[in-house]
Amino acid sequence: MSFGNLTEDATIAAEKDTLGGSNFGPLGSGVYRNMKIVMAYVQMSKGGAMGIILHLLNQDTGKELKQTLWVQSGTAKGSKNYYETKNGEKRYLPGFEIFSAITKLGANLLPSDMTVEEKTVSLWSYEEKKDVPTQVDVIMPLLGKFITLGIVKQTVDKTINVNGPNETPNYMPTGETRDENEIKKVFRAEDGLTVAEASAEATEAVFINTWANKNTGVTIDRSTNVAAPAAGAAPSASGSIAFGAAASTPDAKPSAPIFGAG
């Protein structure tokens, strides 16, 4: 397993401070400190996209958060950690941007510096409906690290696969909704600084309070109120799901690397 494609490029917008599932039910939107990374491993989709599965435990409340960050596109799209906008600008995938912030602020390492070890862990099997021993590539530098997270609660569509068993899955809305969590911002555990603030060598965390004031207690409705077509009807859209909003205009990139070996 290689993180060689997760390098950063000065021509791509860096993270900027902009306001843009739990085992006890979704967490309310807000800033959660004392989040411990208890597991982090790699999952590849059938199309070659790379996902990072994070299991985090809030040491204050005992609540668990599980999140998938899609950090690299599939083979058909070039296995890249960025995409291009309609006007040709390159933007990091939202999942990569969050993962990058976690590696930098949690482990003081770049995403491309991550290493894995194949280990057997107990994971939920949808086929067997229970936890089963599963071999996965565990991202060792992240285990046991602490991070502070800006988490939003959002309402999304429940989906169903409208294709047959031998076809590529195509998930469409059912007309029902569910609530879930999404990591939207990452802060350093010890001082609350963002990547942008740490890169600028700030001595005071400012954005964490701005983010909290705007988002705490707010539930975002991302549902469509559209039901899937009847059996046999042609779907009107692909089953792809967009994760988060596009990255914003970058701050100036520091002349020397702040995180990792450089």
Protein backbone atom coordinates (compact mmCIF):
# COMPACT_ATOMS: atom_id res chain seq x y z
CA MET A 1 0.00 0.00 0.00
CA SER A 2 1.44 3.34 -1.07
CA PHE A 3 0.45 6.91 -0.28
CA GLY A 4 2.66 8.16 -3.11
CA ASN A 5 -0.28 9.79 -4.92
CA LEU A 6 -1.24 11.80 -1.84
CA THR A 7 1.48 14.40 -2.29
CA GLU A 8 0.69 18.10 -2.14
CA ASP A 9 1.19 20.54 -4.98
CA ALA A 10 1.82 24.29 -4.76
CA THR A 11 -0.50 24.80 -7.75
CA ILE A 12 -3.50 23.35 -5.90
CA ALA A 13 -5.54 25.35 -3.41
CA ALA A 14 -4.36 24.74 0.14
CA GLU A 15 -6.78 24.53 3.02
CA LYS A 16 -8.17 27.87 4.17
CA ASP A 17 -10.21 28.70 7.27
CA THR A 18 -13.70 29.23 5.84
CA LEU A 19 -17.17 28.68 7.28
CA GLY A 20 -18.58 26.78 4.73
CA GLY A 21 -21.95 7.80 12.42
CA SER A 22 -21.88 7.49 15.94
CA ASN A 23 -22.69 4.27 17.84
CA PHE A 24 -25.02 6.30 20.08
CA GLY A 25 -26.65 8.16 17.22
CA PRO A 26 -25.23 11.18 15.40
CA LEU A 27 -23.43 13.81 17.40
CA GLY A 28 -24.87 17.30 17.39
CA SER A 29 -22.99 19.85 15.31
CA GLY A 30 -20.14 21.47 17.20
CA VAL A 31 -16.49 21.35 18.19
CA TYR A 32 -15.42 18.09 19.85
CA ARG A 33 -12.15 18.06 21.74
CA ASN A 34 -10.26 15.06 23.07
CA MET A 35 -11.04 12.84 20.05
CA LYS A 36 -8.74 9.80 20.06
CA ILE A 37 -8.01 7.92 16.83
CA VAL A 38 -8.50 4.30 17.89
CA MET A 39 -8.37 2.84 14.37
CA ALA A 40 -7.42 4.07 10.91
CA TYR A 41 -7.18 1.82 7.88
CA VAL A 42 -7.35 1.88 4.09
CA GLN A 43 -10.28 0.66 2.02
CA MET A 44 -10.18 0.49 -1.76
CA SER A 45 -13.40 0.63 -3.76
CA LYS A 46 -14.06 -1.69 -6.69
CA GLY A 47 -13.27 1.24 -8.97
CA GLY A 48 -9.92 1.88 -7.34
CA ALA A 49 -10.85 4.86 -5.18
CA MET A 50 -8.98 5.05 -1.86
CA GLY A 51 -10.95 5.55 1.31
CA ILE A 52 -9.55 6.11 4.80
CA ILE A 53 -11.75 4.60 7.51
CA LEU A 54 -11.44 6.38 10.84
CA HIS A 55 -12.75 5.19 14.18
CA LEU A 56 -12.57 7.95 16.78
CA LEU A 57 -13.57 7.92 20.45
CA ASN A 58 -14.48 11.05 22.36
CA GLN A 59 -12.70 10.64 25.68
CA ASP A 60 -15.07 13.05 27.43
CA THR A 61 -18.42 11.51 26.43
CA GLY A 62 -17.48 7.95 25.42
CA LYS A 63 -19.20 8.42 22.08
CA GLU A 64 -17.70 6.89 18.96
CA LEU A 65 -17.49 8.43 15.50
CA LYS A 66 -16.81 6.39 12.37
CA GLN A 67 -16.00 8.24 9.16
CA THR A 68 -14.88 7.39 5.64
CA LEU A 69 -12.66 9.95 3.91
CA TRP A 70 -12.33 9.46 0.15
CA VAL A 71 -8.81 10.72 -0.49
CA GLN A 72 -8.08 9.46 -4.00
CA SER A 73 -10.29 9.09 -7.07
CA GLY A 74 -10.84 5.81 -8.87
CA THR A 75 -8.74 4.39 -11.67
CA ALA A 76 -11.01 5.83 -14.36
CA LYS A 77 -10.39 9.34 -13.02
CA GLY A 78 -6.63 8.92 -12.73
CA SER A 79 -6.25 7.90 -9.08
CA LYS A 80 -5.77 11.53 -8.03
CA ASN A 81 -6.22 13.38 -4.75
CA TYR A 82 -7.65 16.39 -6.58
CA TYR A 83 -10.20 17.30 -9.22
CA GLU A 84 -10.49 20.11 -11.74
CA THR A 85 -13.27 22.67 -11.73
CA LYS A 86 -15.08 23.78 -14.86
CA ASN A 87 -12.68 26.68 -15.24
CA GLY A 88 -9.66 24.38 -14.99
CA GLU A 89 -8.64 25.09 -11.40
CA LYS A 90 -7.34 22.18 -9.36
CA ARG A 91 -8.95 21.55 -5.97
CA TYR A 92 -8.17 18.86 -3.42
CA LEU A 93 -10.85 16.26 -2.79
CA PRO A 94 -12.70 17.25 0.42
CA GLY A 95 -11.82 13.89 1.99
CA PHE A 96 -8.14 14.37 1.22
CA GLU A 97 -8.18 17.86 2.70
CA ILE A 98 -9.60 16.53 5.99
CA PHE A 99 -7.17 13.58 6.01
CA SER A 100 -4.25 15.93 5.33
CA ALA A 101 -5.25 18.14 8.25
CA ILE A 102 -5.51 15.10 10.54
CA THR A 103 -2.06 13.77 9.61
CA LYS A 104 -0.49 17.22 10.00
CA LEU A 105 -2.20 18.31 13.20
CA GLY A 106 -2.48 14.87 14.78
CA ALA A 107 0.86 13.30 13.85
CA ASN A 108 2.89 16.25 12.48
CA LEU A 109 3.35 14.33 9.24
CA LEU A 110 2.31 14.84 5.63
CA PRO A 111 -0.29 12.47 4.13
CA SER A 112 2.36 11.02 1.82
CA ASP A 113 4.46 10.11 4.89
CA MET A 114 1.82 7.71 6.20
CA THR A 115 2.78 4.03 6.49
CA VAL A 116 0.65 0.94 6.94
CA GLU A 117 0.92 -2.51 8.45
CA GLU A 118 -1.38 -5.38 7.54
CA LYS A 119 -3.28 -6.40 10.64
CA THR A 120 -6.35 -8.45 11.50
CA VAL A 121 -9.08 -6.39 13.14
CA SER A 122 -12.68 -7.14 14.04
CA LEU A 123 -14.95 -5.37 11.55
CA TRP A 124 -18.67 -5.49 10.87
CA SER A 125 -19.62 -7.76 7.95
CA TYR A 126 -22.82 -6.84 6.13
CA GLU A 127 -22.94 -10.34 4.68
CA GLU A 128 -22.62 -12.15 8.02
CA LYS A 129 -24.34 -9.43 10.08
CA LYS A 130 -21.66 -9.53 12.78
CA ASP A 131 -18.08 -8.52 13.51
CA VAL A 132 -15.59 -10.84 11.83
CA PRO A 133 -11.75 -10.93 11.76
CA THR A 134 -10.67 -8.96 8.67
CA GLN A 135 -7.24 -8.17 7.24
CA VAL A 136 -6.75 -4.47 6.55
CA ASP A 137 -3.87 -2.02 6.00
CA VAL A 138 -3.74 -0.08 9.28
CA ILE A 139 -2.27 3.45 9.23
CA MET A 140 0.06 3.10 12.19
CA PRO A 141 1.27 6.73 12.67
CA LEU A 142 -2.30 7.86 13.44
CA LEU A 143 -3.21 5.29 16.08
CA GLY A 144 -3.59 6.75 19.55
CA LYS A 145 -3.27 10.34 18.36
CA PHE A 146 -5.63 13.05 19.63
CA ILE A 147 -7.36 15.66 17.52
CA THR A 148 -10.09 18.28 17.89
CA LEU A 149 -12.82 18.14 15.27
CA GLY A 150 -15.51 20.42 13.90
CA ILE A 151 -18.37 18.00 13.25
CA VAL A 152 -21.69 18.74 11.59
CA LYS A 153 -24.92 16.80 11.87
CA GLN A 154 -26.73 16.54 8.57
CA THR A 155 -29.92 15.00 7.23
CA VAL A 156 -29.37 12.94 4.07
CA ASP A 157 -31.37 10.63 1.84
CA LYS A 158 -31.65 6.95 2.61
CA THR A 159 -30.67 5.17 -0.61
CA ILE A 160 -31.32 1.85 -2.29
CA ASN A 161 -29.50 0.04 -5.08
CA VAL A 162 -31.82 0.11 -8.12
CA ASN A 163 -29.60 -2.12 -10.28
CA GLY A 164 -29.56 -5.90 -10.46
CA PRO A 165 -27.14 -8.24 -8.65
CA ASN A 166 -24.82 -8.53 -11.65
CA GLU A 167 -24.81 -4.83 -12.47
CA THR A 168 -22.75 -1.96 -11.13
CA PRO A 169 -24.56 -0.69 -8.00
CA ASN A 170 -26.57 2.47 -8.52
CA TYR A 171 -27.86 3.96 -5.27
CA MET A 172 -30.90 6.23 -5.50
CA PRO A 173 -32.98 8.02 -2.83
CA THR A 174 -35.85 6.10 -1.23
CA GLY A 175 -37.82 9.16 -0.15
CA GLU A 176 -36.81 8.60 3.48
CA THR A 177 -34.02 10.34 5.36
CA ARG A 178 -31.48 9.67 8.09
CA ASP A 179 -29.11 11.80 10.18
CA GLU A 180 -25.35 11.38 10.00
CA ASN A 181 -22.15 13.16 10.97
CA GLU A 182 -19.45 14.62 8.76
CA ILE A 183 -16.06 15.99 9.79
CA LYS A 184 -15.84 19.50 8.37
CA LYS A 185 -12.86 21.05 10.17
CA VAL A 186 -9.76 19.84 12.02
CA PHE A 187 -7.98 21.60 14.87
CA ARG A 188 -4.80 20.69 16.75
CA ALA A 189 -5.62 19.08 20.09
CA GLU A 190 -3.16 20.96 22.26
CA ASP A 191 -3.88 24.52 21.11
CA GLY A 192 -6.89 24.50 18.75
CA LEU A 193 -4.94 25.82 15.77
CA THR A 194 -6.00 24.99 12.19
CA VAL A 195 -3.55 23.99 9.47
CA ALA A 196 -3.68 27.53 8.07
CA GLU A 197 -3.02 29.06 11.48
CA ALA A 198 -0.20 26.65 12.30
CA SER A 199 1.36 27.21 8.87
CA ALA A 200 1.27 30.96 9.52
CA GLU A 201 2.91 30.34 12.90
CA ALA A 202 -0.05 31.84 14.77
CA THR A 203 0.19 31.81 18.56
CA GLU A 204 -3.55 32.08 19.23
CA ALA A 205 -6.39 29.90 17.94
CA VAL A 206 -9.06 32.19 16.51
CA PHE A 207 -10.96 30.25 13.87
CA ILE A 208 -12.10 27.47 16.22
CA ASN A 209 -14.40 29.92 18.03
CA THR A 210 -15.65 31.42 14.75
CA TRP A 211 -16.46 27.94 13.44
CA ALA A 212 -18.19 26.93 16.68
CA ASN A 213 -20.31 30.08 16.79
CA LYS A 214 -21.60 29.46 13.28
CA ASN A 215 -22.19 25.70 13.42
CA THR A 216 -22.92 24.56 16.98
CA GLY A 217 -26.39 23.04 17.23
CA VAL A 218 -27.18 23.48 13.53
CA THR A 219 -28.46 20.48 11.54
CA ILE A 220 -27.87 20.76 7.78
CA ASP A 221 -30.58 19.35 5.50
CA ARG A 222 -28.95 17.74 2.46
CA SER A 223 -31.92 15.54 1.57
CA THR A 224 -33.60 15.82 -1.82
CA ASN A 225 -37.15 14.65 -1.01
CA VAL A 226 -36.91 12.56 -4.17
CA ALA A 227 -37.77 8.86 -4.22
CA ALA A 228 -36.04 6.24 -6.38
CA PRO A 229 -37.75 5.31 -9.67
CA ALA A 230 -40.05 2.31 -9.74
CA ALA A 231 -38.52 -1.09 -10.48
CA GLY A 232 -37.52 -1.32 -14.14
CA ALA A 233 -37.53 2.43 -14.69
CA ALA A 234 -34.37 4.08 -15.92
CA PRO A 235 -32.66 6.09 -13.19
CA SER A 236 -32.34 9.80 -13.88
CA ALA A 237 -28.89 10.22 -12.35
CA SER A 238 -25.84 8.22 -11.42
CA GLY A 239 -25.42 6.84 -7.94
CA SER A 240 -22.29 8.81 -7.15
CA ILE A 241 -22.29 10.81 -3.93
CA ALA A 242 -20.49 14.12 -3.47
CA PHE A 243 -18.76 14.59 -0.13
CA GLY A 244 -18.77 18.20 1.09
CA ALA A 245 -18.14 21.46 -0.70
CA ALA A 246 -15.23 22.38 -2.90
CA ALA A 247 -12.18 23.87 -1.25
CA SER A 248 -11.97 27.66 -1.08
CA THR A 249 -9.38 30.07 -2.41
CA PRO A 250 -6.02 29.31 -0.79
CA ASP A 251 -3.97 31.30 1.63
CA ALA A 252 -0.41 31.95 0.48
CA LYS A 253 1.63 28.74 0.75
CA PRO A 254 4.44 29.01 3.32
CA SER A 255 7.91 29.13 1.81
CA ALA A 256 9.13 26.26 4.00
CA PRO A 257 7.26 23.12 5.03
CA ILE A 258 5.70 23.21 8.50
CA PHE A 259 4.62 19.58 8.70
CA GLY A 260 6.62 16.45 7.95
CA ALA A 261 10.19 16.07 6.81
CA GLY A 262 9.92 18.61 4.02
